[in-house]
C-alpha cells in the first residue's frame, strides 16, 4: 500500500510539472512512408531550420578583407531576451511565451514525424497526435529573478544523462523502423522510451531555457 501511494504521488507530481508531453500511440503505421521518412521529411526540416536559425554576414573592410559569417538561433535569442526581462524587469511577456510554446509544439511534431511516432505530416498549427503544454509563469510568485543566470549550469547533469539516453533513443527508432517495415506497428516499449526521452528533454528545456519554472526537472521519463 505504501509503495502504491508513493508511486501515485510521484505520478501526480510529474503530471503537474510546468511542461507536459503526451504523444498518441498509433495503431498502424504506413510502411512505405516509414521507409522513405528521411526523404519525405526534408521539406519540413528545411522549414523548421529556416524558422529557428538565421545567418548573417559581416564584411570586414580591414586588411584581411574577409567576410565573417555568424549563425544565430531564434530559440537562443528568445531565451536570452526572456532571461534579461526576468532579471531586470521582473516580467515574462505573454507573446514571447506564446511564441515559445507554439515553436516547441512545432519542433516536437517534426521530431515525432522523424522518429516514426506518427505518419501525419507535421502541421504548422494543428495539434495532431502531439499534446504539449507549458504553464505560463507568474514571475513574481513562481520565478526567482536571478536564477536564469545559473539554470543552464544547474541542468548539466540532465544534459549528460539525456545525451546517453539519446543514443538509446536513436537505436530504438532504428529498431522500430525495421519493426514497422515488417509489421506496420511501432512496438509499445520502444515507443514509450522515445516519447519518455522527449518528455524529459522538454522539462529540461522548460527549466533551463524557456524559463517557465524554477522547479528542478525530475530525473524521469514518466
N, C-alpha and C. Protein backbone atom coordinates (compact mmCIF):
# COMPACT_ATOMS: atom_id res chain seq x y z
N UNK A 1 0.83 -1.20 0.00
CA UNK A 1 0.00 0.00 0.00
C UNK A 1 0.86 1.25 0.00
N UNK A 2 1.94 1.23 0.81
CA UNK A 2 2.84 2.38 0.89
C UNK A 2 3.52 2.64 -0.44
N UNK A 3 3.94 1.56 -1.14
CA UNK A 3 4.61 1.70 -2.44
C UNK A 3 3.65 2.30 -3.45
N UNK A 4 2.40 1.82 -3.45
CA UNK A 4 1.42 2.34 -4.40
C UNK A 4 1.16 3.82 -4.17
N UNK A 5 1.06 4.21 -2.89
CA UNK A 5 0.83 5.62 -2.58
C UNK A 5 1.99 6.48 -3.03
N UNK A 6 3.22 5.95 -2.85
CA UNK A 6 4.41 6.70 -3.26
C UNK A 6 4.44 6.86 -4.77
N UNK A 7 4.13 5.77 -5.52
CA UNK A 7 4.11 5.84 -6.97
C UNK A 7 3.05 6.83 -7.45
N UNK A 8 1.88 6.80 -6.77
CA UNK A 8 0.80 7.72 -7.14
C UNK A 8 1.22 9.16 -6.91
N UNK A 9 1.92 9.41 -5.81
CA UNK A 9 2.38 10.77 -5.52
C UNK A 9 3.39 11.24 -6.55
N UNK A 10 4.30 10.33 -6.98
CA UNK A 10 5.29 10.69 -7.99
C UNK A 10 4.62 11.00 -9.31
N UNK A 11 3.63 10.18 -9.69
CA UNK A 11 2.91 10.40 -10.94
C UNK A 11 2.20 11.74 -10.92
N UNK A 12 1.56 12.06 -9.78
CA UNK A 12 0.86 13.34 -9.65
C UNK A 12 1.82 14.50 -9.76
N UNK A 13 2.99 14.35 -9.11
CA UNK A 13 4.00 15.41 -9.13
C UNK A 13 4.45 15.68 -10.56
N UNK A 14 4.74 14.61 -11.32
CA UNK A 14 5.23 14.78 -12.68
C UNK A 14 4.13 15.34 -13.58
N UNK A 15 2.88 14.90 -13.37
CA UNK A 15 1.80 15.36 -14.23
C UNK A 15 1.52 16.84 -14.03
N UNK A 16 1.91 17.40 -12.87
CA UNK A 16 1.69 18.80 -12.60
C UNK A 16 2.94 19.63 -12.84
N UNK A 17 3.96 19.05 -13.47
CA UNK A 17 5.14 19.83 -13.80
C UNK A 17 4.74 20.86 -14.87
N UNK A 18 5.48 21.96 -14.93
CA UNK A 18 5.10 23.07 -15.81
C UNK A 18 5.21 22.73 -17.29
N UNK A 19 5.86 21.64 -17.63
CA UNK A 19 5.97 21.20 -19.03
C UNK A 19 5.48 19.77 -19.14
N UNK A 20 4.55 19.53 -20.06
CA UNK A 20 3.94 18.20 -20.18
C UNK A 20 3.89 17.79 -21.65
N UNK A 21 4.11 16.51 -21.89
CA UNK A 21 4.10 15.99 -23.26
C UNK A 21 3.50 14.60 -23.30
N UNK A 22 2.55 14.42 -24.19
CA UNK A 22 1.99 13.10 -24.49
C UNK A 22 1.88 12.97 -26.01
N UNK A 23 2.18 11.80 -26.51
CA UNK A 23 2.04 11.52 -27.94
C UNK A 23 1.21 10.25 -28.10
N UNK A 24 0.20 10.32 -28.93
CA UNK A 24 -0.70 9.17 -29.13
C UNK A 24 0.03 8.03 -29.83
N UNK A 25 -0.12 6.83 -29.27
CA UNK A 25 0.49 5.66 -29.89
C UNK A 25 -0.38 5.21 -31.07
N UNK A 26 0.20 5.13 -32.28
CA UNK A 26 -0.60 4.77 -33.46
C UNK A 26 -0.89 3.27 -33.51
N UNK A 27 -2.08 2.94 -33.94
CA UNK A 27 -2.44 1.52 -34.09
C UNK A 27 -1.70 0.89 -35.26
N UNK A 28 -1.56 1.67 -36.34
CA UNK A 28 -0.94 1.15 -37.55
C UNK A 28 -0.15 2.27 -38.22
N UNK A 29 0.99 1.92 -38.79
CA UNK A 29 1.82 2.89 -39.49
C UNK A 29 2.05 2.44 -40.92
N UNK A 30 2.16 3.41 -41.81
CA UNK A 30 2.35 3.12 -43.23
C UNK A 30 3.79 2.70 -43.50
N UNK A 31 3.97 1.54 -44.08
CA UNK A 31 5.31 1.01 -44.32
C UNK A 31 6.07 1.83 -45.36
N UNK A 32 5.38 2.22 -46.42
CA UNK A 32 6.03 2.98 -47.49
C UNK A 32 6.52 4.32 -46.98
N UNK A 33 5.65 5.04 -46.26
CA UNK A 33 6.03 6.34 -45.71
C UNK A 33 7.17 6.21 -44.71
N UNK A 34 7.15 5.17 -43.91
CA UNK A 34 8.20 4.96 -42.91
C UNK A 34 9.54 4.65 -43.57
N UNK A 35 9.51 3.90 -44.66
CA UNK A 35 10.75 3.52 -45.34
C UNK A 35 11.46 4.77 -45.90
N UNK A 36 10.68 5.71 -46.43
CA UNK A 36 11.27 6.91 -47.04
C UNK A 36 11.12 8.14 -46.13
N UNK A 37 11.03 7.92 -44.81
CA UNK A 37 10.75 9.01 -43.89
C UNK A 37 11.77 10.15 -43.98
N UNK A 38 13.05 9.83 -44.04
CA UNK A 38 14.07 10.88 -44.10
C UNK A 38 13.91 11.71 -45.37
N UNK A 39 13.57 11.07 -46.47
CA UNK A 39 13.38 11.79 -47.73
C UNK A 39 12.14 12.66 -47.69
N UNK A 40 11.04 12.11 -47.20
CA UNK A 40 9.79 12.87 -47.12
C UNK A 40 9.89 14.04 -46.14
N UNK A 41 10.76 13.90 -45.16
CA UNK A 41 10.86 14.92 -44.12
C UNK A 41 11.74 16.11 -44.47
N UNK A 42 12.42 16.07 -45.61
CA UNK A 42 13.33 17.15 -45.98
C UNK A 42 12.63 18.52 -46.04
N UNK A 43 11.47 18.64 -46.69
CA UNK A 43 10.84 19.98 -46.77
C UNK A 43 10.50 20.56 -45.41
N UNK A 44 9.94 19.75 -44.51
CA UNK A 44 9.55 20.28 -43.21
C UNK A 44 10.77 20.58 -42.35
N UNK A 45 11.84 19.78 -42.53
CA UNK A 45 13.08 20.06 -41.81
C UNK A 45 13.69 21.37 -42.29
N UNK A 46 13.60 21.63 -43.59
CA UNK A 46 14.11 22.89 -44.15
C UNK A 46 13.31 24.06 -43.60
N UNK A 47 11.97 23.89 -43.52
CA UNK A 47 11.11 24.95 -42.98
C UNK A 47 11.44 25.24 -41.52
N UNK A 48 11.62 24.18 -40.72
CA UNK A 48 11.95 24.36 -39.31
C UNK A 48 13.30 25.04 -39.16
N UNK A 49 14.25 24.65 -39.98
CA UNK A 49 15.58 25.27 -39.93
C UNK A 49 15.52 26.75 -40.29
N UNK A 50 14.70 27.09 -41.30
CA UNK A 50 14.55 28.49 -41.70
C UNK A 50 13.89 29.30 -40.60
N UNK A 51 13.02 28.65 -39.84
CA UNK A 51 12.29 29.34 -38.77
C UNK A 51 13.16 29.57 -37.54
N UNK A 52 14.04 28.63 -37.25
CA UNK A 52 14.77 28.67 -35.98
C UNK A 52 16.21 29.14 -36.10
N UNK A 53 16.77 29.18 -37.32
CA UNK A 53 18.16 29.61 -37.46
C UNK A 53 18.28 30.66 -38.56
N UNK A 54 19.15 31.59 -38.34
CA UNK A 54 19.44 32.61 -39.34
C UNK A 54 20.94 32.82 -39.40
N UNK A 55 21.41 33.27 -40.54
CA UNK A 55 22.85 33.51 -40.72
C UNK A 55 23.04 34.91 -41.29
N UNK A 56 23.98 35.62 -40.73
CA UNK A 56 24.26 36.95 -41.26
C UNK A 56 25.75 37.05 -41.55
N UNK A 57 26.08 37.91 -42.48
CA UNK A 57 27.46 38.08 -42.93
C UNK A 57 27.90 39.51 -42.65
N UNK A 58 29.04 39.66 -42.03
CA UNK A 58 29.62 40.98 -41.77
C UNK A 58 30.88 41.12 -42.60
N UNK A 59 30.91 42.12 -43.44
CA UNK A 59 32.09 42.33 -44.28
C UNK A 59 33.17 43.05 -43.49
N UNK A 60 34.34 42.46 -43.49
CA UNK A 60 35.48 43.04 -42.79
C UNK A 60 36.29 43.86 -43.79
N UNK A 61 36.24 45.15 -43.64
CA UNK A 61 36.94 46.03 -44.58
C UNK A 61 38.37 46.34 -44.13
N UNK A 62 38.85 45.60 -43.14
CA UNK A 62 40.21 45.82 -42.67
C UNK A 62 41.21 45.18 -43.62
N UNK A 63 42.41 45.01 -43.17
CA UNK A 63 43.47 44.49 -44.03
C UNK A 63 43.18 43.10 -44.56
N UNK A 64 42.51 42.28 -43.75
CA UNK A 64 42.27 40.89 -44.17
C UNK A 64 41.28 40.82 -45.32
N UNK A 65 40.26 41.68 -45.29
CA UNK A 65 39.29 41.69 -46.37
C UNK A 65 38.37 40.48 -46.38
N UNK A 66 38.32 39.72 -45.31
CA UNK A 66 37.49 38.53 -45.25
C UNK A 66 36.08 38.86 -44.76
N UNK A 67 35.12 38.05 -45.21
CA UNK A 67 33.76 38.13 -44.69
C UNK A 67 33.65 37.24 -43.46
N UNK A 68 32.96 37.73 -42.45
CA UNK A 68 32.76 36.97 -41.23
C UNK A 68 31.33 36.47 -41.19
N UNK A 69 31.15 35.17 -41.11
CA UNK A 69 29.82 34.58 -41.05
C UNK A 69 29.48 34.18 -39.62
N UNK A 70 28.25 34.38 -39.25
CA UNK A 70 27.81 34.00 -37.91
C UNK A 70 26.39 33.48 -37.98
N UNK A 71 26.11 32.41 -37.26
CA UNK A 71 24.77 31.82 -37.22
C UNK A 71 24.13 32.12 -35.88
N UNK A 72 22.87 32.45 -35.90
CA UNK A 72 22.15 32.72 -34.67
C UNK A 72 20.90 31.86 -34.61
N UNK A 73 20.49 31.51 -33.43
CA UNK A 73 19.32 30.68 -33.22
C UNK A 73 18.19 31.50 -32.62
N UNK A 74 16.99 31.36 -33.19
CA UNK A 74 15.83 32.05 -32.65
C UNK A 74 15.59 31.64 -31.21
N UNK A 75 15.73 30.35 -30.93
CA UNK A 75 15.48 29.84 -29.58
C UNK A 75 16.48 30.43 -28.59
N UNK A 76 17.76 30.50 -28.97
CA UNK A 76 18.78 31.07 -28.08
C UNK A 76 18.53 32.55 -27.86
N UNK A 77 18.21 33.26 -28.94
CA UNK A 77 17.95 34.70 -28.82
C UNK A 77 16.74 34.96 -27.93
N UNK A 78 15.69 34.16 -28.09
CA UNK A 78 14.49 34.35 -27.29
C UNK A 78 14.75 34.01 -25.82
N UNK A 79 15.52 32.94 -25.57
CA UNK A 79 15.85 32.57 -24.19
C UNK A 79 16.67 33.67 -23.53
N UNK A 80 17.62 34.23 -24.26
CA UNK A 80 18.45 35.30 -23.70
C UNK A 80 17.61 36.53 -23.39
N UNK A 81 16.72 36.89 -24.32
CA UNK A 81 15.88 38.07 -24.10
C UNK A 81 14.93 37.85 -22.93
N UNK A 82 14.38 36.64 -22.83
CA UNK A 82 13.47 36.33 -21.72
C UNK A 82 14.20 36.41 -20.39
N UNK A 83 15.41 35.87 -20.34
CA UNK A 83 16.21 35.93 -19.11
C UNK A 83 16.46 37.37 -18.70
N UNK A 84 16.80 38.22 -19.66
CA UNK A 84 17.06 39.62 -19.35
C UNK A 84 15.80 40.32 -18.83
N UNK A 85 14.65 40.00 -19.43
CA UNK A 85 13.39 40.60 -18.98
C UNK A 85 13.06 40.18 -17.55
N UNK A 86 13.29 38.91 -17.24
CA UNK A 86 13.00 38.41 -15.89
C UNK A 86 13.94 39.05 -14.87
N UNK A 87 15.22 39.14 -15.22
CA UNK A 87 16.22 39.66 -14.29
C UNK A 87 16.03 41.16 -14.03
N UNK A 88 15.86 41.93 -15.11
CA UNK A 88 15.87 43.38 -14.95
C UNK A 88 14.48 44.00 -14.83
N UNK A 89 13.47 43.34 -15.38
CA UNK A 89 12.13 43.92 -15.34
C UNK A 89 11.14 43.11 -14.51
N UNK A 90 11.51 41.87 -14.19
CA UNK A 90 10.59 41.02 -13.45
C UNK A 90 9.34 40.69 -14.23
N UNK A 91 9.49 40.56 -15.56
CA UNK A 91 8.35 40.29 -16.43
C UNK A 91 8.67 39.18 -17.42
N UNK A 92 7.62 38.46 -17.86
CA UNK A 92 7.73 37.46 -18.92
C UNK A 92 6.62 37.78 -19.92
N UNK A 93 6.93 38.54 -20.97
CA UNK A 93 5.90 38.96 -21.92
C UNK A 93 5.08 37.77 -22.45
N UNK A 94 3.78 37.91 -22.43
CA UNK A 94 2.91 36.80 -22.83
C UNK A 94 3.14 36.39 -24.27
N UNK A 95 3.38 37.34 -25.16
CA UNK A 95 3.55 36.96 -26.56
C UNK A 95 4.85 36.20 -26.78
N UNK A 96 5.88 36.50 -25.96
CA UNK A 96 7.11 35.70 -26.05
C UNK A 96 6.84 34.27 -25.64
N UNK A 97 6.08 34.14 -24.54
CA UNK A 97 5.73 32.80 -24.07
C UNK A 97 4.91 32.05 -25.12
N UNK A 98 3.92 32.70 -25.69
CA UNK A 98 3.07 32.05 -26.69
C UNK A 98 3.88 31.59 -27.90
N UNK A 99 4.83 32.43 -28.33
CA UNK A 99 5.67 32.05 -29.46
C UNK A 99 6.54 30.84 -29.10
N UNK A 100 7.14 30.87 -27.91
CA UNK A 100 7.98 29.75 -27.47
C UNK A 100 7.18 28.45 -27.38
N UNK A 101 5.95 28.56 -26.89
CA UNK A 101 5.09 27.39 -26.77
C UNK A 101 4.76 26.81 -28.13
N UNK A 102 4.35 27.66 -29.08
CA UNK A 102 4.00 27.16 -30.41
C UNK A 102 5.22 26.63 -31.15
N UNK A 103 6.37 27.26 -30.94
CA UNK A 103 7.60 26.76 -31.57
C UNK A 103 7.97 25.40 -31.01
N UNK A 104 7.85 25.23 -29.69
CA UNK A 104 8.13 23.92 -29.07
C UNK A 104 7.18 22.86 -29.58
N UNK A 105 5.92 23.21 -29.75
CA UNK A 105 4.95 22.25 -30.28
C UNK A 105 5.30 21.84 -31.71
N UNK A 106 5.65 22.82 -32.54
CA UNK A 106 6.01 22.53 -33.93
C UNK A 106 7.26 21.66 -33.99
N UNK A 107 8.28 22.01 -33.21
CA UNK A 107 9.50 21.22 -33.18
C UNK A 107 9.22 19.78 -32.76
N UNK A 108 8.33 19.60 -31.80
CA UNK A 108 8.04 18.25 -31.31
C UNK A 108 7.24 17.46 -32.34
N UNK A 109 6.36 18.13 -33.10
CA UNK A 109 5.66 17.43 -34.18
C UNK A 109 6.64 16.97 -35.25
N UNK A 110 7.62 17.81 -35.56
CA UNK A 110 8.63 17.41 -36.55
C UNK A 110 9.46 16.25 -36.00
N UNK A 111 9.85 16.35 -34.74
CA UNK A 111 10.59 15.24 -34.11
C UNK A 111 9.77 13.95 -34.15
N UNK A 112 8.50 14.06 -33.83
CA UNK A 112 7.62 12.90 -33.82
C UNK A 112 7.55 12.24 -35.19
N UNK A 113 7.53 13.06 -36.23
CA UNK A 113 7.46 12.53 -37.60
C UNK A 113 8.75 11.79 -37.96
N UNK A 114 9.89 12.40 -37.67
CA UNK A 114 11.18 11.77 -38.00
C UNK A 114 11.45 10.54 -37.14
N UNK A 115 10.93 10.55 -35.91
CA UNK A 115 11.13 9.40 -35.02
C UNK A 115 10.10 8.29 -35.27
N UNK A 116 9.29 8.46 -36.32
CA UNK A 116 8.30 7.46 -36.75
C UNK A 116 7.17 7.30 -35.74
N UNK A 117 7.01 8.28 -34.85
CA UNK A 117 5.96 8.18 -33.85
C UNK A 117 4.59 8.49 -34.44
N UNK A 118 4.59 9.08 -35.63
CA UNK A 118 3.34 9.42 -36.30
C UNK A 118 3.55 9.41 -37.80
N UNK A 119 2.50 9.08 -38.54
CA UNK A 119 2.54 9.13 -40.00
C UNK A 119 2.08 10.48 -40.54
N UNK A 120 1.41 11.25 -39.72
CA UNK A 120 0.84 12.51 -40.18
C UNK A 120 1.94 13.55 -40.39
N UNK A 121 1.93 14.16 -41.57
CA UNK A 121 2.95 15.17 -41.86
C UNK A 121 2.78 16.34 -40.89
N UNK A 122 3.89 16.82 -40.30
CA UNK A 122 3.79 17.85 -39.25
C UNK A 122 3.06 19.10 -39.72
N UNK A 123 2.09 19.50 -38.93
CA UNK A 123 1.35 20.73 -39.21
C UNK A 123 2.03 21.91 -38.52
N UNK A 124 1.90 23.10 -39.11
CA UNK A 124 2.47 24.29 -38.50
C UNK A 124 1.61 24.83 -37.37
N UNK A 125 0.34 24.38 -37.30
CA UNK A 125 -0.53 24.93 -36.27
C UNK A 125 -1.46 23.91 -35.62
N UNK A 126 -1.78 22.79 -36.27
CA UNK A 126 -2.68 21.81 -35.67
C UNK A 126 -1.95 20.93 -34.66
N UNK A 127 -2.67 20.52 -33.62
CA UNK A 127 -2.08 19.72 -32.56
C UNK A 127 -1.70 18.32 -33.03
N UNK A 128 -2.53 17.72 -33.88
CA UNK A 128 -2.34 16.36 -34.37
C UNK A 128 -2.23 15.38 -33.20
N UNK A 129 -1.25 14.48 -33.24
CA UNK A 129 -1.14 13.45 -32.19
C UNK A 129 -0.19 13.85 -31.07
N UNK A 130 0.38 15.05 -31.16
CA UNK A 130 1.36 15.52 -30.18
C UNK A 130 0.68 16.53 -29.25
N UNK A 131 0.65 16.22 -27.97
CA UNK A 131 -0.03 17.08 -27.00
C UNK A 131 1.02 17.64 -26.03
N UNK A 132 1.42 18.87 -26.28
CA UNK A 132 2.46 19.53 -25.49
C UNK A 132 1.89 20.79 -24.87
N UNK A 133 2.17 20.97 -23.59
CA UNK A 133 1.65 22.16 -22.91
C UNK A 133 2.67 22.69 -21.91
N UNK A 134 2.71 24.00 -21.78
CA UNK A 134 3.56 24.69 -20.82
C UNK A 134 2.69 25.63 -19.99
N UNK A 135 3.03 25.78 -18.71
CA UNK A 135 2.30 26.71 -17.85
C UNK A 135 2.93 28.10 -17.95
N UNK A 136 2.08 29.10 -18.17
CA UNK A 136 2.58 30.47 -18.19
C UNK A 136 2.90 30.91 -16.76
N UNK A 137 4.11 31.34 -16.49
CA UNK A 137 4.51 31.62 -15.11
C UNK A 137 4.10 33.01 -14.62
N UNK A 138 3.81 33.09 -13.35
CA UNK A 138 3.68 34.37 -12.67
C UNK A 138 5.08 34.70 -12.14
N UNK A 139 5.75 35.64 -12.76
CA UNK A 139 7.16 35.89 -12.46
C UNK A 139 7.37 36.21 -10.98
N UNK A 140 6.56 37.09 -10.43
CA UNK A 140 6.75 37.50 -9.04
C UNK A 140 6.51 36.35 -8.07
N UNK A 141 5.59 35.46 -8.40
CA UNK A 141 5.25 34.37 -7.49
C UNK A 141 6.04 33.10 -7.76
N UNK A 142 6.28 32.79 -9.05
CA UNK A 142 6.82 31.48 -9.42
C UNK A 142 8.30 31.48 -9.76
N UNK A 143 8.88 32.63 -10.07
CA UNK A 143 10.26 32.65 -10.57
C UNK A 143 11.14 33.55 -9.71
N UNK A 144 12.36 33.06 -9.48
CA UNK A 144 13.38 33.89 -8.82
C UNK A 144 14.09 34.69 -9.91
N UNK A 145 14.24 35.98 -9.70
CA UNK A 145 14.70 36.86 -10.77
C UNK A 145 16.12 36.58 -11.24
N UNK A 146 16.97 35.99 -10.38
CA UNK A 146 18.37 35.81 -10.77
C UNK A 146 18.73 34.36 -11.11
N UNK A 147 17.79 33.44 -10.96
CA UNK A 147 18.06 32.05 -11.31
C UNK A 147 18.37 31.82 -12.79
N UNK A 148 17.79 32.60 -13.73
CA UNK A 148 18.14 32.39 -15.14
C UNK A 148 19.63 32.46 -15.42
N UNK A 149 20.39 33.12 -14.54
CA UNK A 149 21.84 33.21 -14.74
C UNK A 149 22.54 31.88 -14.56
N UNK A 150 21.95 30.98 -13.76
CA UNK A 150 22.64 29.73 -13.43
C UNK A 150 21.85 28.47 -13.79
N UNK A 151 20.63 28.62 -14.25
CA UNK A 151 19.82 27.43 -14.53
C UNK A 151 20.48 26.51 -15.55
N UNK A 152 21.06 27.10 -16.59
CA UNK A 152 21.68 26.29 -17.64
C UNK A 152 22.88 25.51 -17.10
N UNK A 153 23.50 26.03 -16.03
CA UNK A 153 24.61 25.31 -15.39
C UNK A 153 24.07 24.21 -14.48
N UNK A 154 23.02 24.52 -13.73
CA UNK A 154 22.43 23.54 -12.82
C UNK A 154 21.87 22.34 -13.57
N UNK A 155 21.52 22.53 -14.84
CA UNK A 155 20.93 21.45 -15.62
C UNK A 155 21.97 20.53 -16.27
N UNK A 156 23.26 20.77 -16.04
CA UNK A 156 24.31 19.97 -16.68
C UNK A 156 24.15 18.47 -16.45
N UNK A 157 23.82 18.02 -15.21
CA UNK A 157 23.61 16.57 -15.04
C UNK A 157 22.54 16.00 -15.97
N UNK A 158 21.51 16.79 -16.24
CA UNK A 158 20.47 16.34 -17.17
C UNK A 158 21.02 16.22 -18.59
N UNK A 159 21.86 17.18 -19.00
CA UNK A 159 22.43 17.12 -20.35
C UNK A 159 23.18 15.80 -20.54
N UNK A 160 23.97 15.44 -19.54
CA UNK A 160 24.79 14.23 -19.64
C UNK A 160 23.91 12.99 -19.78
N UNK A 161 22.91 12.89 -18.90
CA UNK A 161 22.02 11.72 -18.93
C UNK A 161 21.23 11.69 -20.23
N UNK A 162 20.75 12.84 -20.67
CA UNK A 162 19.95 12.89 -21.90
C UNK A 162 20.78 12.52 -23.12
N UNK A 163 22.05 12.90 -23.14
CA UNK A 163 22.92 12.50 -24.26
C UNK A 163 23.07 10.98 -24.31
N UNK A 164 23.28 10.37 -23.16
CA UNK A 164 23.42 8.92 -23.11
C UNK A 164 22.11 8.23 -23.51
N UNK A 165 21.01 8.72 -22.97
CA UNK A 165 19.72 8.13 -23.31
C UNK A 165 19.34 8.44 -24.76
N UNK A 166 19.85 9.57 -25.29
CA UNK A 166 19.57 9.91 -26.68
C UNK A 166 20.12 8.89 -27.65
N UNK A 167 21.28 8.32 -27.32
CA UNK A 167 21.85 7.26 -28.16
C UNK A 167 20.92 6.05 -28.16
N UNK A 168 20.40 5.70 -26.98
CA UNK A 168 19.47 4.57 -26.89
C UNK A 168 18.16 4.88 -27.60
N UNK A 169 17.73 6.15 -27.53
CA UNK A 169 16.50 6.55 -28.23
C UNK A 169 16.69 6.42 -29.74
N UNK A 170 17.86 6.80 -30.24
CA UNK A 170 18.13 6.66 -31.68
C UNK A 170 18.13 5.19 -32.09
N UNK A 171 18.75 4.35 -31.28
CA UNK A 171 18.73 2.91 -31.56
C UNK A 171 17.30 2.37 -31.52
N UNK A 172 16.49 2.89 -30.61
CA UNK A 172 15.09 2.47 -30.52
C UNK A 172 14.33 2.82 -31.79
N UNK A 173 14.60 4.01 -32.34
CA UNK A 173 13.94 4.42 -33.58
C UNK A 173 14.36 3.51 -34.74
N UNK A 174 15.64 3.16 -34.79
CA UNK A 174 16.12 2.27 -35.85
C UNK A 174 15.47 0.90 -35.74
N UNK A 175 15.40 0.36 -34.52
CA UNK A 175 14.73 -0.93 -34.32
C UNK A 175 13.25 -0.83 -34.68
N UNK A 176 12.63 0.28 -34.30
CA UNK A 176 11.21 0.47 -34.63
C UNK A 176 11.00 0.55 -36.13
N UNK A 177 11.96 1.16 -36.84
CA UNK A 177 11.86 1.25 -38.30
C UNK A 177 11.77 -0.12 -38.94
N UNK A 178 12.63 -1.03 -38.49
CA UNK A 178 12.57 -2.39 -39.01
C UNK A 178 11.26 -3.07 -38.62
N UNK A 179 10.83 -2.86 -37.39
CA UNK A 179 9.58 -3.47 -36.94
C UNK A 179 8.40 -2.97 -37.76
N UNK A 180 8.39 -1.68 -38.08
CA UNK A 180 7.29 -1.12 -38.87
C UNK A 180 7.29 -1.68 -40.28
N UNK A 181 8.48 -1.83 -40.86
CA UNK A 181 8.56 -2.37 -42.23
C UNK A 181 8.01 -3.79 -42.31
N UNK A 182 8.14 -4.56 -41.24
CA UNK A 182 7.67 -5.95 -41.26
C UNK A 182 6.25 -6.10 -40.73
N UNK A 183 5.88 -5.29 -39.74
CA UNK A 183 4.59 -5.49 -39.08
C UNK A 183 3.63 -4.31 -39.21
N UNK A 184 4.16 -3.14 -39.58
CA UNK A 184 3.32 -1.95 -39.65
C UNK A 184 3.00 -1.38 -38.29
N UNK A 185 3.68 -1.83 -37.25
CA UNK A 185 3.40 -1.36 -35.89
C UNK A 185 4.69 -0.90 -35.20
N UNK A 186 4.52 0.09 -34.32
CA UNK A 186 5.63 0.60 -33.52
C UNK A 186 5.57 -0.09 -32.16
N UNK A 187 6.53 -0.96 -31.84
CA UNK A 187 6.49 -1.65 -30.54
C UNK A 187 6.27 -0.68 -29.39
N UNK A 188 5.31 -0.98 -28.53
CA UNK A 188 4.91 -0.05 -27.47
C UNK A 188 6.07 0.29 -26.54
N UNK A 189 6.91 -0.68 -26.21
CA UNK A 189 8.03 -0.41 -25.32
C UNK A 189 9.00 0.59 -25.91
N UNK A 190 9.33 0.43 -27.20
CA UNK A 190 10.22 1.37 -27.86
C UNK A 190 9.57 2.74 -27.99
N UNK A 191 8.28 2.74 -28.30
CA UNK A 191 7.53 4.00 -28.43
C UNK A 191 7.57 4.78 -27.12
N UNK A 192 7.28 4.11 -26.02
CA UNK A 192 7.25 4.78 -24.72
C UNK A 192 8.63 5.31 -24.34
N UNK A 193 9.69 4.58 -24.71
CA UNK A 193 11.03 5.03 -24.38
C UNK A 193 11.37 6.31 -25.13
N UNK A 194 11.07 6.35 -26.43
CA UNK A 194 11.38 7.53 -27.24
C UNK A 194 10.57 8.74 -26.77
N UNK A 195 9.28 8.52 -26.50
CA UNK A 195 8.44 9.61 -26.00
C UNK A 195 8.93 10.07 -24.63
N UNK A 196 9.34 9.13 -23.78
CA UNK A 196 9.85 9.48 -22.46
C UNK A 196 11.10 10.33 -22.55
N UNK A 197 11.98 10.00 -23.50
CA UNK A 197 13.18 10.81 -23.69
C UNK A 197 12.80 12.23 -24.13
N UNK A 198 11.84 12.34 -25.04
CA UNK A 198 11.40 13.66 -25.50
C UNK A 198 10.74 14.44 -24.36
N UNK A 199 9.99 13.75 -23.50
CA UNK A 199 9.33 14.40 -22.37
C UNK A 199 10.36 14.94 -21.37
N UNK A 200 11.36 14.14 -21.08
CA UNK A 200 12.44 14.57 -20.19
C UNK A 200 13.16 15.78 -20.77
N UNK A 201 13.46 15.72 -22.06
CA UNK A 201 14.14 16.83 -22.73
C UNK A 201 13.32 18.11 -22.65
N UNK A 202 12.01 17.98 -22.81
CA UNK A 202 11.14 19.14 -22.74
C UNK A 202 11.18 19.78 -21.35
N UNK A 203 11.17 18.96 -20.31
CA UNK A 203 11.21 19.50 -18.95
C UNK A 203 12.49 20.28 -18.70
N UNK A 204 13.60 19.75 -19.20
CA UNK A 204 14.88 20.44 -19.03
C UNK A 204 14.88 21.75 -19.81
N UNK A 205 14.34 21.71 -21.02
CA UNK A 205 14.23 22.92 -21.83
C UNK A 205 13.35 23.96 -21.14
N UNK A 206 12.24 23.52 -20.55
CA UNK A 206 11.33 24.44 -19.87
C UNK A 206 12.01 25.09 -18.66
N UNK A 207 12.87 24.33 -17.99
CA UNK A 207 13.56 24.85 -16.79
C UNK A 207 14.72 25.76 -17.16
N UNK A 208 15.59 25.31 -18.06
CA UNK A 208 16.86 26.00 -18.29
C UNK A 208 16.80 27.07 -19.36
N UNK A 209 15.90 26.93 -20.34
CA UNK A 209 15.91 27.85 -21.49
C UNK A 209 14.58 28.57 -21.72
N UNK A 210 13.48 27.86 -21.62
CA UNK A 210 12.19 28.54 -21.74
C UNK A 210 11.86 29.32 -20.48
N UNK A 211 12.45 28.90 -19.36
CA UNK A 211 12.38 29.65 -18.09
C UNK A 211 10.95 29.81 -17.57
N UNK A 212 10.14 28.78 -17.73
CA UNK A 212 8.75 28.87 -17.27
C UNK A 212 8.58 28.37 -15.84
N UNK A 213 9.62 27.77 -15.26
CA UNK A 213 9.52 27.23 -13.91
C UNK A 213 10.88 27.23 -13.23
N UNK A 214 10.86 27.32 -11.90
CA UNK A 214 12.08 27.18 -11.10
C UNK A 214 12.20 25.80 -10.49
N UNK A 215 11.19 24.96 -10.66
CA UNK A 215 11.25 23.59 -10.13
C UNK A 215 12.24 22.77 -10.93
N UNK A 216 13.19 22.17 -10.23
CA UNK A 216 14.21 21.37 -10.90
C UNK A 216 13.56 20.16 -11.56
N UNK A 217 13.92 19.88 -12.82
CA UNK A 217 13.26 18.77 -13.52
C UNK A 217 13.54 17.42 -12.86
N UNK A 218 12.56 16.55 -12.79
CA UNK A 218 12.80 15.21 -12.24
C UNK A 218 13.62 14.36 -13.21
N UNK A 219 14.43 13.47 -12.67
CA UNK A 219 15.18 12.53 -13.49
C UNK A 219 14.25 11.36 -13.82
N UNK A 220 13.33 11.61 -14.72
CA UNK A 220 12.30 10.62 -15.01
C UNK A 220 11.76 10.82 -16.41
N UNK A 221 11.38 9.70 -17.05
CA UNK A 221 10.71 9.76 -18.35
C UNK A 221 9.20 9.73 -18.20
N UNK A 222 8.71 9.52 -17.00
CA UNK A 222 7.27 9.36 -16.78
C UNK A 222 6.56 10.70 -16.88
